[in-house]
């Protein structure tokens, strides 16, 4: 929009309008329900496996490794099985 050359220049520029905000109800979810269920189930499997290894070996590093390994291996399997 061009300014009329005969009109005076405003002393203060117009303030910018309110920023376009997205309401939380309109924002897309961080994870889909499918992914959330797969991660929760994999976490449960990893926790159980880690606990079982700890009960049998009495070693925290082995239990953590077993839990993380079973979590990592079960995520893609559960992703395919659930969806």
Protein backbone atom coordinates (compact mmCIF):
# COMPACT_ATOMS: atom_id res chain seq x y z
CA UNK A 1 0.00 0.00 0.00
CA UNK A 2 1.60 3.28 -1.05
CA UNK A 3 1.50 6.39 1.08
CA UNK A 4 -0.07 9.58 -0.22
CA UNK A 5 2.79 12.05 -0.71
CA UNK A 6 0.63 14.97 0.44
CA UNK A 7 -0.22 13.46 3.84
CA UNK A 8 2.12 13.95 6.82
CA UNK A 9 4.29 11.12 8.09
CA UNK A 10 2.93 9.68 11.36
CA UNK A 11 4.99 10.53 14.46
CA UNK A 12 4.95 6.96 15.70
CA UNK A 13 4.80 3.89 13.49
CA UNK A 14 1.93 1.50 13.96
CA UNK A 15 2.66 -1.15 16.56
CA UNK A 16 2.84 -4.66 15.18
CA UNK A 17 -0.25 -6.77 15.55
CA UNK A 18 -0.47 -9.63 18.01
CA UNK A 19 1.70 -12.59 17.08
CA UNK A 20 -0.10 -15.48 15.52
CA UNK A 21 -0.35 -18.00 18.31
CA UNK A 22 -1.39 -21.58 17.98
CA UNK A 23 -3.57 -22.81 20.79
CA UNK A 24 -2.40 -26.00 22.49
CA UNK A 25 -5.51 -27.80 21.31
CA UNK A 26 -4.64 -26.97 17.69
CA UNK A 27 -0.95 -27.89 17.87
CA UNK A 28 0.03 -31.28 16.47
CA UNK A 29 0.99 -33.85 19.10
CA UNK A 30 4.65 -34.49 19.83
CA UNK A 31 4.16 -38.25 19.42
CA UNK A 32 1.35 -40.15 17.82
CA UNK A 33 -0.62 -42.56 19.95
CA UNK A 34 0.94 -45.43 18.01
CA UNK A 35 4.49 -44.29 18.83
CA UNK A 36 3.64 -43.57 22.48
CA UNK A 37 2.19 -47.05 22.99
CA UNK A 38 5.24 -48.64 21.33
CA UNK A 39 7.65 -46.67 23.55
CA UNK A 40 5.73 -47.40 26.74
CA UNK A 41 5.52 -51.12 25.97
CA UNK A 42 9.23 -51.20 25.07
CA UNK A 43 10.06 -49.42 28.32
CA UNK A 44 8.07 -51.97 30.26
CA UNK A 45 9.87 -54.84 28.49
CA UNK A 46 13.25 -53.22 29.14
CA UNK A 47 12.44 -52.68 32.80
CA UNK A 48 11.33 -56.28 33.28
CA UNK A 49 14.38 -57.67 31.46
CA UNK A 50 16.74 -55.46 33.45
CA UNK A 51 15.10 -56.54 36.69
CA UNK A 52 15.33 -60.21 35.80
CA UNK A 53 19.01 -59.91 34.87
CA UNK A 54 19.71 -58.05 38.10
CA UNK A 55 17.98 -60.74 40.15
CA UNK A 56 19.99 -63.49 38.48
CA UNK A 57 23.42 -61.83 38.10
CA UNK A 58 23.39 -59.26 40.97
CA UNK A 59 25.19 -56.83 38.63
CA UNK A 60 23.82 -53.36 37.96
CA UNK A 61 25.84 -52.73 34.75
CA UNK A 62 24.66 -56.01 33.24
CA UNK A 63 21.07 -55.25 34.22
CA UNK A 64 21.21 -51.76 32.68
CA UNK A 65 22.78 -53.13 29.50
CA UNK A 66 20.14 -55.85 29.24
CA UNK A 67 17.32 -53.39 29.87
CA UNK A 68 18.57 -50.87 27.33
CA UNK A 69 19.28 -53.59 24.80
CA UNK A 70 15.85 -55.13 25.11
CA UNK A 71 14.27 -51.68 24.93
CA UNK A 72 16.17 -50.86 21.75
CA UNK A 73 15.38 -54.18 20.11
CA UNK A 74 11.71 -54.18 21.04
CA UNK A 75 10.87 -50.68 19.74
CA UNK A 76 10.99 -51.57 16.02
CA UNK A 77 9.32 -54.93 16.62
CA UNK A 78 6.48 -53.34 18.58
CA UNK A 79 6.18 -50.57 16.00
CA UNK A 80 5.50 -53.13 13.29
CA UNK A 81 3.36 -55.40 15.47
CA UNK A 82 1.07 -52.66 16.81
CA UNK A 83 0.60 -50.75 13.57
